């Protein structure tokens, strides 16, 4: 998205966040580098678009990211998002999103219903 597109959507009430500086697989970099990638990218986006909240979505996946990262980032008040679908999380500022990128083979309704069914099955 262009900066202008972000600003137009912001005017309509949408929120935005960061996605890292260099788009690494977080499971393959140190906690120190994870923190730098996250905090610096969030600050750039917040400043560039005059945002109040701090949101961050992991590139690729949050799979393999240790609690050490989440414990250290807690003081920064950054809300983070993974892409593991519906899932209960122990970390109160971390949420999973439902991946919608299935090359348009499935409708959004089908994807969400599938996620709900899988979530219910995992509960048992």
PDB file of N, CA and C in Angstrom:
ATOM      1  N   UNK A   1       0.843  -1.177   0.000  1.00  0.00           N
ATOM      2  CA  UNK A   1       0.000   0.000   0.000  1.00  0.00           C
ATOM      3  C   UNK A   1       0.887   1.239   0.000  1.00  0.00           C
ATOM      4  N   UNK A   2       0.397   2.259  -0.636  1.00  0.00           N
ATOM      5  CA  UNK A   2       1.133   3.516  -0.614  1.00  0.00           C
ATOM      6  C   UNK A   2       0.794   4.272   0.673  1.00  0.00           C
ATOM      7  N   UNK A   3       1.616   5.244   1.007  1.00  0.00           N
ATOM      8  CA  UNK A   3       1.359   6.076   2.175  1.00  0.00           C
ATOM      9  C   UNK A   3       0.020   6.794   2.070  1.00  0.00           C
ATOM     10  N   UNK A   4      -0.314   7.242   0.881  1.00  0.00           N
ATOM     11  CA  UNK A   4      -1.584   7.939   0.663  1.00  0.00           C
ATOM     12  C   UNK A   4      -2.768   7.003   0.919  1.00  0.00           C
ATOM     13  N   UNK A   5      -2.656   5.760   0.467  1.00  0.00           N
ATOM     14  CA  UNK A   5      -3.720   4.788   0.704  1.00  0.00           C
ATOM     15  C   UNK A   5      -3.892   4.521   2.206  1.00  0.00           C
ATOM     16  N   UNK A   6      -2.778   4.425   2.914  1.00  0.00           N
ATOM     17  CA  UNK A   6      -2.834   4.219   4.367  1.00  0.00           C
ATOM     18  C   UNK A   6      -3.539   5.395   5.035  1.00  0.00           C
ATOM     19  N   UNK A   7      -3.165   6.613   4.657  1.00  0.00           N
ATOM     20  CA  UNK A   7      -3.780   7.801   5.259  1.00  0.00           C
ATOM     21  C   UNK A   7      -5.284   7.865   4.976  1.00  0.00           C
ATOM     22  N   UNK A   8      -5.683   7.505   3.756  1.00  0.00           N
ATOM     23  CA  UNK A   8      -7.114   7.517   3.424  1.00  0.00           C
ATOM     24  C   UNK A   8      -7.880   6.499   4.266  1.00  0.00           C
ATOM     25  N   UNK A   9      -7.311   5.328   4.435  1.00  0.00           N
ATOM     26  CA  UNK A   9      -7.970   4.317   5.254  1.00  0.00           C
ATOM     27  C   UNK A   9      -7.962   4.708   6.734  1.00  0.00           C
ATOM     28  N   UNK A  10      -6.904   5.359   7.166  1.00  0.00           N
ATOM     29  CA  UNK A  10      -6.836   5.838   8.549  1.00  0.00           C
ATOM     30  C   UNK A  10      -7.967   6.835   8.806  1.00  0.00           C
ATOM     31  N   UNK A  11      -8.221   7.709   7.850  1.00  0.00           N
ATOM     32  CA  UNK A  11      -9.321   8.675   7.963  1.00  0.00           C
ATOM     33  C   UNK A  11     -10.671   7.983   8.093  1.00  0.00           C
ATOM     34  N   UNK A  12     -10.770   6.763   7.547  1.00  0.00           N
ATOM     35  CA  UNK A  12     -12.020   6.004   7.613  1.00  0.00           C
ATOM     36  C   UNK A  12     -12.114   5.139   8.869  1.00  0.00           C
ATOM     37  N   UNK A  13     -11.103   5.241   9.750  1.00  0.00           N
ATOM     38  CA  UNK A  13     -11.161   4.528  11.021  1.00  0.00           C
ATOM     39  C   UNK A  13     -10.337   3.255  11.119  1.00  0.00           C
ATOM     40  N   UNK A  14      -9.568   2.938  10.085  1.00  0.00           N
ATOM     41  CA  UNK A  14      -8.731   1.744  10.135  1.00  0.00           C
ATOM     42  C   UNK A  14      -7.482   2.008  10.962  1.00  0.00           C
ATOM     43  N   UNK A  15      -6.976   0.946  11.605  1.00  0.00           N
ATOM     44  CA  UNK A  15      -5.709   1.011  12.334  1.00  0.00           C
ATOM     45  C   UNK A  15      -4.634   0.313  11.521  1.00  0.00           C
ATOM     46  N   UNK A  16      -3.399   0.696  11.763  1.00  0.00           N
ATOM     47  CA  UNK A  16      -2.274   0.116  11.044  1.00  0.00           C
ATOM     48  C   UNK A  16      -1.143  -0.196  12.001  1.00  0.00           C
ATOM     49  N   UNK A  17      -0.290  -1.100  11.579  1.00  0.00           N
ATOM     50  CA  UNK A  17       0.867  -1.448  12.385  1.00  0.00           C
ATOM     51  C   UNK A  17       2.040  -1.804  11.504  1.00  0.00           C
ATOM     52  N   UNK A  18       3.082  -2.246  12.157  1.00  0.00           N
ATOM     53  CA  UNK A  18       4.332  -2.554  11.468  1.00  0.00           C
ATOM     54  C   UNK A  18       4.440  -4.047  11.161  1.00  0.00           C
ATOM     55  N   UNK A  19       5.444  -4.369  10.335  1.00  0.00           N
ATOM     56  CA  UNK A  19       5.620  -5.743   9.872  1.00  0.00           C
ATOM     57  C   UNK A  19       7.099  -6.121   9.845  1.00  0.00           C
ATOM     58  N   UNK A  20       7.944  -5.358  10.508  1.00  0.00           N
ATOM     59  CA  UNK A  20       9.395  -5.541  10.632  1.00  0.00           C
ATOM     60  C   UNK A  20      10.127  -4.639   9.641  1.00  0.00           C
ATOM     61  N   UNK A  21      11.435  -4.526   9.828  1.00  0.00           N
ATOM     62  CA  UNK A  21      12.256  -3.710   8.928  1.00  0.00           C
ATOM     63  C   UNK A  21      12.739  -4.525   7.735  1.00  0.00           C
ATOM     64  N   UNK A  22      13.193  -5.744   7.998  1.00  0.00           N
ATOM     65  CA  UNK A  22      13.839  -6.557   6.965  1.00  0.00           C
ATOM     66  C   UNK A  22      13.093  -7.844   6.613  1.00  0.00           C
ATOM     67  N   UNK A  23      11.895  -8.035   7.168  1.00  0.00           N
ATOM     68  CA  UNK A  23      11.036  -9.179   6.872  1.00  0.00           C
ATOM     69  C   UNK A  23      11.727 -10.522   7.114  1.00  0.00           C
ATOM     70  N   UNK A  24      12.366 -10.696   8.287  1.00  0.00           N
ATOM     71  CA  UNK A  24      13.028 -11.981   8.561  1.00  0.00           C
ATOM     72  C   UNK A  24      12.051 -13.023   9.105  1.00  0.00           C
ATOM     73  N   UNK A  25      12.481 -14.261   9.079  1.00  0.00           N
ATOM     74  CA  UNK A  25      11.752 -15.305   9.817  1.00  0.00           C
ATOM     75  C   UNK A  25      12.209 -15.165  11.267  1.00  0.00           C
ATOM     76  N   UNK A  26      11.298 -14.788  12.126  1.00  0.00           N
ATOM     77  CA  UNK A  26      11.666 -14.503  13.514  1.00  0.00           C
ATOM     78  C   UNK A  26      12.259 -15.712  14.224  1.00  0.00           C
ATOM     79  N   UNK A  27      11.856 -16.910  13.848  1.00  0.00           N
ATOM     80  CA  UNK A  27      12.399 -18.113  14.485  1.00  0.00           C
ATOM     81  C   UNK A  27      13.877 -18.311  14.163  1.00  0.00           C
ATOM     82  N   UNK A  28      14.393 -17.584  13.166  1.00  0.00           N
ATOM     83  CA  UNK A  28      15.777 -17.766  12.739  1.00  0.00           C
ATOM     84  C   UNK A  28      16.709 -16.631  13.163  1.00  0.00           C
ATOM     85  N   UNK A  29      16.183 -15.673  13.944  1.00  0.00           N
ATOM     86  CA  UNK A  29      17.042 -14.575  14.411  1.00  0.00           C
ATOM     87  C   UNK A  29      17.006 -14.526  15.937  1.00  0.00           C
ATOM     88  N   UNK A  30      18.005 -13.880  16.519  1.00  0.00           N
ATOM     89  CA  UNK A  30      18.112 -13.806  17.981  1.00  0.00           C
ATOM     90  C   UNK A  30      16.994 -12.949  18.571  1.00  0.00           C
ATOM     91  N   UNK A  31      16.757 -13.122  19.851  1.00  0.00           N
ATOM     92  CA  UNK A  31      15.749 -12.303  20.540  1.00  0.00           C
ATOM     93  C   UNK A  31      16.135 -10.826  20.442  1.00  0.00           C
ATOM     94  N   UNK A  32      17.417 -10.539  20.537  1.00  0.00           N
ATOM     95  CA  UNK A  32      17.879  -9.149  20.413  1.00  0.00           C
ATOM     96  C   UNK A  32      17.469  -8.578  19.056  1.00  0.00           C
ATOM     97  N   UNK A  33      17.689  -9.328  17.993  1.00  0.00           N
ATOM     98  CA  UNK A  33      17.316  -8.866  16.651  1.00  0.00           C
ATOM     99  C   UNK A  33      15.799  -8.825  16.472  1.00  0.00           C
ATOM    100  N   UNK A  34      15.089  -9.765  17.080  1.00  0.00           N
ATOM    101  CA  UNK A  34      13.628  -9.735  17.038  1.00  0.00           C
ATOM    102  C   UNK A  34      13.104  -8.431  17.641  1.00  0.00           C
ATOM    103  N   UNK A  35      13.681  -8.058  18.785  1.00  0.00           N
ATOM    104  CA  UNK A  35      13.257  -6.822  19.461  1.00  0.00           C
ATOM    105  C   UNK A  35      13.574  -5.589  18.624  1.00  0.00           C
ATOM    106  N   UNK A  36      14.761  -5.548  18.038  1.00  0.00           N
ATOM    107  CA  UNK A  36      15.141  -4.409  17.189  1.00  0.00           C
ATOM    108  C   UNK A  36      14.212  -4.302  15.979  1.00  0.00           C
ATOM    109  N   UNK A  37      13.987  -5.409  15.301  1.00  0.00           N
ATOM    110  CA  UNK A  37      13.103  -5.422  14.125  1.00  0.00           C
ATOM    111  C   UNK A  37      11.710  -4.914  14.489  1.00  0.00           C
ATOM    112  N   UNK A  38      11.216  -5.357  15.621  1.00  0.00           N
ATOM    113  CA  UNK A  38       9.853  -5.023  16.032  1.00  0.00           C
ATOM    114  C   UNK A  38       9.741  -3.572  16.481  1.00  0.00           C
ATOM    115  N   UNK A  39      10.525  -3.207  17.470  1.00  0.00           N
ATOM    116  CA  UNK A  39      10.409  -1.871  18.072  1.00  0.00           C
ATOM    117  C   UNK A  39      10.725  -0.773  17.062  1.00  0.00           C
ATOM    118  N   UNK A  40      11.792  -0.937  16.307  1.00  0.00           N
ATOM    119  CA  UNK A  40      12.162   0.108  15.335  1.00  0.00           C
ATOM    120  C   UNK A  40      11.112   0.244  14.235  1.00  0.00           C
ATOM    121  N   UNK A  41      10.574  -0.866  13.758  1.00  0.00           N
ATOM    122  CA  UNK A  41       9.574  -0.767  12.687  1.00  0.00           C
ATOM    123  C   UNK A  41       8.276  -0.147  13.208  1.00  0.00           C
ATOM    124  N   UNK A  42       7.885  -0.476  14.429  1.00  0.00           N
ATOM    125  CA  UNK A  42       6.674   0.114  15.011  1.00  0.00           C
ATOM    126  C   UNK A  42       6.850   1.622  15.170  1.00  0.00           C
ATOM    127  N   UNK A  43       8.002   2.053  15.654  1.00  0.00           N
ATOM    128  CA  UNK A  43       8.236   3.490  15.845  1.00  0.00           C
ATOM    129  C   UNK A  43       8.200   4.251  14.524  1.00  0.00           C
ATOM    130  N   UNK A  44       8.770   3.677  13.480  1.00  0.00           N
ATOM    131  CA  UNK A  44       8.760   4.333  12.159  1.00  0.00           C
ATOM    132  C   UNK A  44       7.321   4.509  11.669  1.00  0.00           C
ATOM    133  N   UNK A  45       6.530   3.456  11.747  1.00  0.00           N
ATOM    134  CA  UNK A  45       5.146   3.509  11.263  1.00  0.00           C
ATOM    135  C   UNK A  45       4.312   4.477  12.107  1.00  0.00           C
ATOM    136  N   UNK A  46       4.493   4.430  13.415  1.00  0.00           N
ATOM    137  CA  UNK A  46       3.729   5.332  14.287  1.00  0.00           C
ATOM    138  C   UNK A  46       4.049   6.790  13.970  1.00  0.00           C
ATOM    139  N   UNK A  47       5.312   7.085  13.765  1.00  0.00           N
ATOM    140  CA  UNK A  47       5.734   8.453  13.458  1.00  0.00           C
ATOM    141  C   UNK A  47       5.253   8.877  12.076  1.00  0.00           C
ATOM    142  N   UNK A  48       5.463   8.026  11.089  1.00  0.00           N
ATOM    143  CA  UNK A  48       5.120   8.359   9.705  1.00  0.00           C
ATOM    144  C   UNK A  48       3.627   8.641   9.529  1.00  0.00           C
ATOM    145  N   UNK A  49       2.780   7.898  10.256  1.00  0.00           N
ATOM    146  CA  UNK A  49       1.335   8.029  10.066  1.00  0.00           C
ATOM    147  C   UNK A  49       0.607   8.600  11.284  1.00  0.00           C
ATOM    148  N   UNK A  50       1.385   9.116  12.240  1.00  0.00           N
ATOM    149  CA  UNK A  50       0.815   9.752  13.433  1.00  0.00           C
ATOM    150  C   UNK A  50      -0.201   8.828  14.117  1.00  0.00           C
ATOM    151  N   UNK A  51       0.253   7.628  14.457  1.00  0.00           N
ATOM    152  CA  UNK A  51      -0.614   6.623  15.064  1.00  0.00           C
ATOM    153  C   UNK A  51      -0.486   6.651  16.584  1.00  0.00           C
ATOM    154  N   UNK A  52      -1.581   6.367  17.257  1.00  0.00           N
ATOM    155  CA  UNK A  52      -1.578   6.332  18.726  1.00  0.00           C
ATOM    156  C   UNK A  52      -1.190   4.962  19.261  1.00  0.00           C
ATOM    157  N   UNK A  53      -1.634   3.912  18.587  1.00  0.00           N
ATOM    158  CA  UNK A  53      -1.426   2.552  19.081  1.00  0.00           C
ATOM    159  C   UNK A  53      -0.252   1.883  18.392  1.00  0.00           C
ATOM    160  N   UNK A  54       0.288   0.867  19.059  1.00  0.00           N
ATOM    161  CA  UNK A  54       1.441   0.130  18.545  1.00  0.00           C
ATOM    162  C   UNK A  54       1.023  -1.296  18.204  1.00  0.00           C
ATOM    163  N   UNK A  55       0.952  -1.589  16.901  1.00  0.00           N
ATOM    164  CA  UNK A  55       0.583  -2.914  16.429  1.00  0.00           C
ATOM    165  C   UNK A  55       1.717  -3.491  15.591  1.00  0.00           C
ATOM    166  N   UNK A  56       1.895  -4.808  15.701  1.00  0.00           N
ATOM    167  CA  UNK A  56       2.939  -5.483  14.937  1.00  0.00           C
ATOM    168  C   UNK A  56       2.448  -6.856  14.499  1.00  0.00           C
ATOM    169  N   UNK A  57       2.611  -7.160  13.215  1.00  0.00           N
ATOM    170  CA  UNK A  57       2.267  -8.469  12.675  1.00  0.00           C
ATOM    171  C   UNK A  57       3.549  -9.153  12.208  1.00  0.00           C
ATOM    172  N   UNK A  58       3.778 -10.355  12.703  1.00  0.00           N
ATOM    173  CA  UNK A  58       4.999 -11.077  12.353  1.00  0.00           C
ATOM    174  C   UNK A  58       5.043 -11.408  10.869  1.00  0.00           C
ATOM    175  N   UNK A  59       6.201 -11.220  10.230  1.00  0.00           N
ATOM    176  CA  UNK A  59       6.339 -11.708   8.862  1.00  0.00           C
ATOM    177  C   UNK A  59       6.393 -13.242   8.897  1.00  0.00           C
ATOM    178  N   UNK A  60       5.813 -13.867   7.954  1.00  0.00           N
ATOM    179  CA  UNK A  60       5.745 -15.327   7.842  1.00  0.00           C
ATOM    180  C   UNK A  60       4.893 -15.917   8.964  1.00  0.00           C
ATOM    181  N   UNK A  61       5.425 -15.947  10.174  1.00  0.00           N
ATOM    182  CA  UNK A  61       4.730 -16.604  11.272  1.00  0.00           C
ATOM    183  C   UNK A  61       5.376 -16.232  12.607  1.00  0.00           C
ATOM    184  N   UNK A  62       4.623 -16.397  13.676  1.00  0.00           N
ATOM    185  CA  UNK A  62       5.186 -16.224  15.016  1.00  0.00           C
ATOM    186  C   UNK A  62       5.650 -17.572  15.573  1.00  0.00           C
ATOM    187  N   UNK A  63       5.548 -18.617  14.762  1.00  0.00           N
ATOM    188  CA  UNK A  63       5.963 -19.945  15.188  1.00  0.00           C
ATOM    189  C   UNK A  63       7.444 -19.924  15.571  1.00  0.00           C
ATOM    190  N   UNK A  64       7.752 -20.439  16.732  1.00  0.00           N
ATOM    191  CA  UNK A  64       9.137 -20.495  17.196  1.00  0.00           C
ATOM    192  C   UNK A  64       9.587 -19.269  17.969  1.00  0.00           C
ATOM    193  N   UNK A  65       8.748 -18.248  18.068  1.00  0.00           N
ATOM    194  CA  UNK A  65       9.104 -17.061  18.855  1.00  0.00           C
ATOM    195  C   UNK A  65       8.881 -17.412  20.326  1.00  0.00           C
ATOM    196  N   UNK A  66       9.912 -17.249  21.129  1.00  0.00           N
ATOM    197  CA  UNK A  66       9.894 -17.672  22.530  1.00  0.00           C
ATOM    198  C   UNK A  66       9.238 -16.629  23.434  1.00  0.00           C
ATOM    199  N   UNK A  67       8.805 -17.087  24.586  1.00  0.00           N
ATOM    200  CA  UNK A  67       8.200 -16.191  25.574  1.00  0.00           C
ATOM    201  C   UNK A  67       9.154 -15.090  26.008  1.00  0.00           C
ATOM    202  N   UNK A  68      10.450 -15.337  25.901  1.00  0.00           N
ATOM    203  CA  UNK A  68      11.444 -14.317  26.251  1.00  0.00           C
ATOM    204  C   UNK A  68      11.205 -13.035  25.445  1.00  0.00           C
ATOM    205  N   UNK A  69      10.909 -13.187  24.156  1.00  0.00           N
ATOM    206  CA  UNK A  69      10.607 -12.026  23.311  1.00  0.00           C
ATOM    207  C   UNK A  69       9.381 -11.297  23.845  1.00  0.00           C
ATOM    208  N   UNK A  70       8.302 -12.036  24.093  1.00  0.00           N
ATOM    209  CA  UNK A  70       7.049 -11.413  24.534  1.00  0.00           C
ATOM    210  C   UNK A  70       7.201 -10.767  25.905  1.00  0.00           C
ATOM    211  N   UNK A  71       7.969 -11.399  26.792  1.00  0.00           N
ATOM    212  CA  UNK A  71       8.205 -10.810  28.115  1.00  0.00           C
ATOM    213  C   UNK A  71       8.979  -9.499  28.012  1.00  0.00           C
ATOM    214  N   UNK A  72       9.957  -9.448  27.112  1.00  0.00           N
ATOM    215  CA  UNK A  72      10.771  -8.243  26.966  1.00  0.00           C
ATOM    216  C   UNK A  72      10.026  -7.122  26.243  1.00  0.00           C
ATOM    217  N   UNK A  73       9.123  -7.473  25.370  1.00  0.00           N
ATOM    218  CA  UNK A  73       8.423  -6.441  24.592  1.00  0.00           C
ATOM    219  C   UNK A  73       7.200  -5.892  25.343  1.00  0.00           C
ATOM    220  N   UNK A  74       6.805  -6.577  26.397  1.00  0.00           N
ATOM    221  CA  UNK A  74       5.614  -6.201  27.161  1.00  0.00           C
ATOM    222  C   UNK A  74       5.665  -4.742  27.612  1.00  0.00           C
ATOM    223  N   UNK A  75       6.826  -4.274  28.031  1.00  0.00           N
ATOM    224  CA  UNK A  75       6.956  -2.891  28.522  1.00  0.00           C
ATOM    225  C   UNK A  75       6.765  -1.856  27.414  1.00  0.00           C
ATOM    226  N   UNK A  76       6.897  -2.263  26.164  1.00  0.00           N
ATOM    227  CA  UNK A  76       6.739  -1.354  25.022  1.00  0.00           C
ATOM    228  C   UNK A  76       5.271  -1.169  24.640  1.00  0.00           C
ATOM    229  N   UNK A  77       4.395  -1.972  25.237  1.00  0.00           N
ATOM    230  CA  UNK A  77       2.949  -1.899  24.968  1.00  0.00           C
ATOM    231  C   UNK A  77       2.624  -2.043  23.472  1.00  0.00           C
ATOM    232  N   UNK A  78       3.239  -3.063  22.876  1.00  0.00           N
ATOM    233  CA  UNK A  78       2.994  -3.373  21.469  1.00  0.00           C
ATOM    234  C   UNK A  78       2.084  -4.597  21.392  1.00  0.00           C
ATOM    235  N   UNK A  79       0.976  -4.468  20.701  1.00  0.00           N
ATOM    236  CA  UNK A  79       0.079  -5.590  20.467  1.00  0.00           C
ATOM    237  C   UNK A  79       0.581  -6.342  19.245  1.00  0.00           C
ATOM    238  N   UNK A  80       0.764  -7.649  19.387  1.00  0.00           N
ATOM    239  CA  UNK A  80       1.330  -8.445  18.299  1.00  0.00           C
ATOM    240  C   UNK A  80       0.305  -9.420  17.738  1.00  0.00           C
ATOM    241  N   UNK A  81       0.525  -9.774  16.462  1.00  0.00           N
ATOM    242  CA  UNK A  81      -0.386 -10.669  15.750  1.00  0.00           C
ATOM    243  C   UNK A  81       0.403 -11.758  15.032  1.00  0.00           C
ATOM    244  N   UNK A  82      -0.020 -12.999  15.240  1.00  0.00           N
ATOM    245  CA  UNK A  82       0.521 -14.133  14.511  1.00  0.00           C
ATOM    246  C   UNK A  82      -0.448 -14.508  13.407  1.00  0.00           C
ATOM    247  N   UNK A  83      -0.222 -15.650  12.791  1.00  0.00           N
ATOM    248  CA  UNK A  83      -1.105 -16.075  11.699  1.00  0.00           C
ATOM    249  C   UNK A  83      -1.444 -17.556  11.811  1.00  0.00           C
ATOM    250  N   UNK A  84      -1.675 -18.009  13.046  1.00  0.00           N
ATOM    251  CA  UNK A  84      -1.933 -19.430  13.287  1.00  0.00           C
ATOM    252  C   UNK A  84      -3.416 -19.781  13.312  1.00  0.00           C
ATOM    253  N   UNK A  85      -4.279 -18.857  12.917  1.00  0.00           N
ATOM    254  CA  UNK A  85      -5.705 -19.130  12.945  1.00  0.00           C
ATOM    255  C   UNK A  85      -6.259 -19.033  14.357  1.00  0.00           C
ATOM    256  N   UNK A  86      -7.466 -19.521  14.542  1.00  0.00           N
ATOM    257  CA  UNK A  86      -8.092 -19.447  15.860  1.00  0.00           C
ATOM    258  C   UNK A  86      -7.318 -20.314  16.845  1.00  0.00           C
ATOM    259  N   UNK A  87      -6.901 -19.693  17.935  1.00  0.00           N
ATOM    260  CA  UNK A  87      -6.043 -20.383  18.897  1.00  0.00           C
ATOM    261  C   UNK A  87      -6.066 -19.596  20.193  1.00  0.00           C
ATOM    262  N   UNK A  88      -6.113 -20.282  21.309  1.00  0.00           N
ATOM    263  CA  UNK A  88      -6.015 -19.604  22.601  1.00  0.00           C
ATOM    264  C   UNK A  88      -4.562 -19.232  22.845  1.00  0.00           C
ATOM    265  N   UNK A  89      -4.346 -18.044  23.382  1.00  0.00           N
ATOM    266  CA  UNK A  89      -2.997 -17.555  23.651  1.00  0.00           C
ATOM    267  C   UNK A  89      -2.827 -17.290  25.139  1.00  0.00           C
ATOM    268  N   UNK A  90      -1.634 -17.556  25.653  1.00  0.00           N
ATOM    269  CA  UNK A  90      -1.316 -17.258  27.053  1.00  0.00           C
ATOM    270  C   UNK A  90      -0.887 -15.806  27.234  1.00  0.00           C
ATOM    271  N   UNK A  91      -0.460 -15.173  26.170  1.00  0.00           N
ATOM    272  CA  UNK A  91       0.061 -13.806  26.234  1.00  0.00           C
ATOM    273  C   UNK A  91      -1.078 -12.847  25.910  1.00  0.00           C
ATOM    274  N   UNK A  92      -1.406 -11.979  26.869  1.00  0.00           N
ATOM    275  CA  UNK A  92      -2.608 -11.146  26.734  1.00  0.00           C
ATOM    276  C   UNK A  92      -2.518 -10.102  25.623  1.00  0.00           C
ATOM    277  N   UNK A  93      -1.326  -9.770  25.180  1.00  0.00           N
ATOM    278  CA  UNK A  93      -1.178  -8.764  24.123  1.00  0.00           C
ATOM    279  C   UNK A  93      -0.831  -9.385  22.762  1.00  0.00           C
ATOM    280  N   UNK A  94      -1.045 -10.682  22.648  1.00  0.00           N
ATOM    281  CA  UNK A  94      -0.724 -11.393  21.402  1.00  0.00           C
ATOM    282  C   UNK A  94      -1.972 -12.112  20.900  1.00  0.00           C
ATOM    283  N   UNK A  95      -2.272 -11.913  19.620  1.00  0.00           N
ATOM    284  CA  UNK A  95      -3.465 -12.488  19.013  1.00  0.00           C
ATOM    285  C   UNK A  95      -3.099 -13.189  17.713  1.00  0.00           C
ATOM    286  N   UNK A  96      -3.888 -14.194  17.368  1.00  0.00           N
ATOM    287  CA  UNK A  96      -3.701 -14.879  16.099  1.00  0.00           C
ATOM    288  C   UNK A  96      -4.771 -14.394  15.125  1.00  0.00           C
ATOM    289  N   UNK A  97      -4.387 -14.282  13.871  1.00  0.00           N
ATOM    290  CA  UNK A  97      -5.358 -13.930  12.839  1.00  0.00           C
ATOM    291  C   UNK A  97      -5.618 -15.160  11.985  1.00  0.00           C
ATOM    292  N   UNK A  98      -6.704 -15.109  11.261  1.00  0.00           N
ATOM    293  CA  UNK A  98      -7.036 -16.190  10.346  1.00  0.00           C
ATOM    294  C   UNK A  98      -6.435 -15.845   8.987  1.00  0.00           C
ATOM    295  N   UNK A  99      -5.489 -16.646   8.497  1.00  0.00           N
ATOM    296  CA  UNK A  99      -4.919 -16.377   7.176  1.00  0.00           C
ATOM    297  C   UNK A  99      -5.995 -16.476   6.093  1.00  0.00           C
ATOM    298  N   UNK A 100      -6.084 -15.478   5.271  1.00  0.00           N
ATOM    299  CA  UNK A 100      -7.086 -15.451   4.200  1.00  0.00           C
ATOM    300  C   UNK A 100      -6.435 -15.632   2.825  1.00  0.00           C
ATOM    301  N   UNK A 101      -5.147 -15.913   2.790  1.00  0.00           N
ATOM    302  CA  UNK A 101      -4.404 -15.999   1.540  1.00  0.00           C
ATOM    303  C   UNK A 101      -4.379 -17.428   1.016  1.00  0.00           C
ATOM    304  N   UNK A 102      -5.448 -17.855   0.409  1.00  0.00           N
ATOM    305  CA  UNK A 102      -5.526 -19.200  -0.169  1.00  0.00           C
ATOM    306  C   UNK A 102      -5.685 -19.115  -1.684  1.00  0.00           C
ATOM    307  N   UNK A 103      -4.991 -18.169  -2.298  1.00  0.00           N
ATOM    308  CA  UNK A 103      -5.039 -17.989  -3.753  1.00  0.00           C
ATOM    309  C   UNK A 103      -6.466 -17.900  -4.282  1.00  0.00           C
ATOM    310  N   UNK A 104      -7.348 -17.353  -3.477  1.00  0.00           N
ATOM    311  CA  UNK A 104      -8.751 -17.134  -3.856  1.00  0.00           C
ATOM    312  C   UNK A 104      -9.503 -18.410  -4.224  1.00  0.00           C
ATOM    313  N   UNK A 105      -9.038 -19.562  -3.737  1.00  0.00           N
ATOM    314  CA  UNK A 105      -9.769 -20.792  -4.038  1.00  0.00           C
ATOM    315  C   UNK A 105     -11.005 -20.893  -3.140  1.00  0.00           C
ATOM    316  N   UNK A 106     -10.893 -20.366  -1.928  1.00  0.00           N
ATOM    317  CA  UNK A 106     -11.989 -20.451  -0.974  1.00  0.00           C
ATOM    318  C   UNK A 106     -12.535 -19.061  -0.673  1.00  0.00           C
ATOM    319  N   UNK A 107     -13.817 -19.005  -0.416  1.00  0.00           N
ATOM    320  CA  UNK A 107     -14.414 -17.728  -0.024  1.00  0.00           C
ATOM    321  C   UNK A 107     -14.035 -17.443   1.429  1.00  0.00           C
ATOM    322  N   UNK A 108     -14.155 -16.186   1.830  1.00  0.00           N
ATOM    323  CA  UNK A 108     -13.891 -15.812   3.218  1.00  0.00           C
ATOM    324  C   UNK A 108     -14.799 -16.599   4.159  1.00  0.00           C
ATOM    325  N   UNK A 109     -16.047 -16.779   3.763  1.00  0.00           N
ATOM    326  CA  UNK A 109     -16.994 -17.534   4.594  1.00  0.00           C
ATOM    327  C   UNK A 109     -16.513 -18.969   4.809  1.00  0.00           C
ATOM    328  N   UNK A 110     -16.040 -19.607   3.754  1.00  0.00           N
ATOM    329  CA  UNK A 110     -15.559 -20.984   3.846  1.00  0.00           C
ATOM    330  C   UNK A 110     -14.326 -21.069   4.734  1.00  0.00           C
ATOM    331  N   UNK A 111     -13.409 -20.130   4.585  1.00  0.00           N
ATOM    332  CA  UNK A 111     -12.188 -20.122   5.390  1.00  0.00           C
ATOM    333  C   UNK A 111     -12.541 -19.967   6.873  1.00  0.00           C
ATOM    334  N   UNK A 112     -13.414 -19.040   7.192  1.00  0.00           N
ATOM    335  CA  UNK A 112     -13.773 -18.787   8.593  1.00  0.00           C
ATOM    336  C   UNK A 112     -14.519 -19.983   9.182  1.00  0.00           C
ATOM    337  N   UNK A 113     -15.443 -20.558   8.437  1.00  0.00           N
ATOM    338  CA  UNK A 113     -16.149 -21.749   8.927  1.00  0.00           C
ATOM    339  C   UNK A 113     -15.162 -22.890   9.180  1.00  0.00           C
ATOM    340  N   UNK A 114     -14.214 -23.082   8.271  1.00  0.00           N
ATOM    341  CA  UNK A 114     -13.205 -24.124   8.444  1.00  0.00           C
ATOM    342  C   UNK A 114     -12.371 -23.897   9.695  1.00  0.00           C
ATOM    343  N   UNK A 115     -11.987 -22.653   9.937  1.00  0.00           N
ATOM    344  CA  UNK A 115     -11.212 -22.316  11.135  1.00  0.00           C
ATOM    345  C   UNK A 115     -12.008 -22.600  12.404  1.00  0.00           C
ATOM    346  N   UNK A 116     -13.286 -22.240  12.393  1.00  0.00           N
ATOM    347  CA  UNK A 116     -14.135 -22.480  13.568  1.00  0.00           C
ATOM    348  C   UNK A 116     -14.280 -23.978  13.845  1.00  0.00           C
ATOM    349  N   UNK A 117     -14.486 -24.754  12.805  1.00  0.00           N
ATOM    350  CA  UNK A 117     -14.617 -26.204  12.975  1.00  0.00           C
ATOM    351  C   UNK A 117     -13.321 -26.786  13.520  1.00  0.00           C
ATOM    352  N   UNK A 118     -12.196 -26.398  12.942  1.00  0.00           N
ATOM    353  CA  UNK A 118     -10.891 -26.898  13.392  1.00  0.00           C
ATOM    354  C   UNK A 118     -10.628 -26.500  14.844  1.00  0.00           C
ATOM    355  N   UNK A 119     -10.978 -25.267  15.221  1.00  0.00           N
ATOM    356  CA  UNK A 119     -10.799 -24.778  16.586  1.00  0.00           C
ATOM    357  C   UNK A 119     -11.612 -25.622  17.567  1.00  0.00           C
ATOM    358  N   UNK A 120     -12.860 -25.899  17.216  1.00  0.00           N
ATOM    359  CA  UNK A 120     -13.730 -26.698  18.082  1.00  0.00           C
ATOM    360  C   UNK A 120     -13.189 -28.123  18.227  1.00  0.00           C
ATOM    361  N   UNK A 121     -12.736 -28.704  17.126  1.00  0.00           N
ATOM    362  CA  UNK A 121     -12.181 -30.056  17.169  1.00  0.00           C
ATOM    363  C   UNK A 121     -10.942 -30.093  18.061  1.00  0.00           C
ATOM    364  N   UNK A 122     -10.066 -29.073  17.956  1.00  0.00           N
ATOM    365  CA  UNK A 122      -8.843 -29.044  18.775  1.00  0.00           C
ATOM    366  C   UNK A 122      -9.168 -28.959  20.269  1.00  0.00           C
ATOM    367  N   UNK A 123     -10.297 -28.362  20.626  1.00  0.00           N
ATOM    368  CA  UNK A 123     -10.691 -28.227  22.028  1.00  0.00           C
ATOM    369  C   UNK A 123     -10.893 -29.603  22.675  1.00  0.00           C
ATOM    370  N   UNK A 124     -11.350 -30.568  21.874  1.00  0.00           N
ATOM    371  CA  UNK A 124     -11.601 -31.902  22.401  1.00  0.00           C
ATOM    372  C   UNK A 124     -10.331 -32.710  22.321  1.00  0.00           C
TER     373      UNK A 124
END
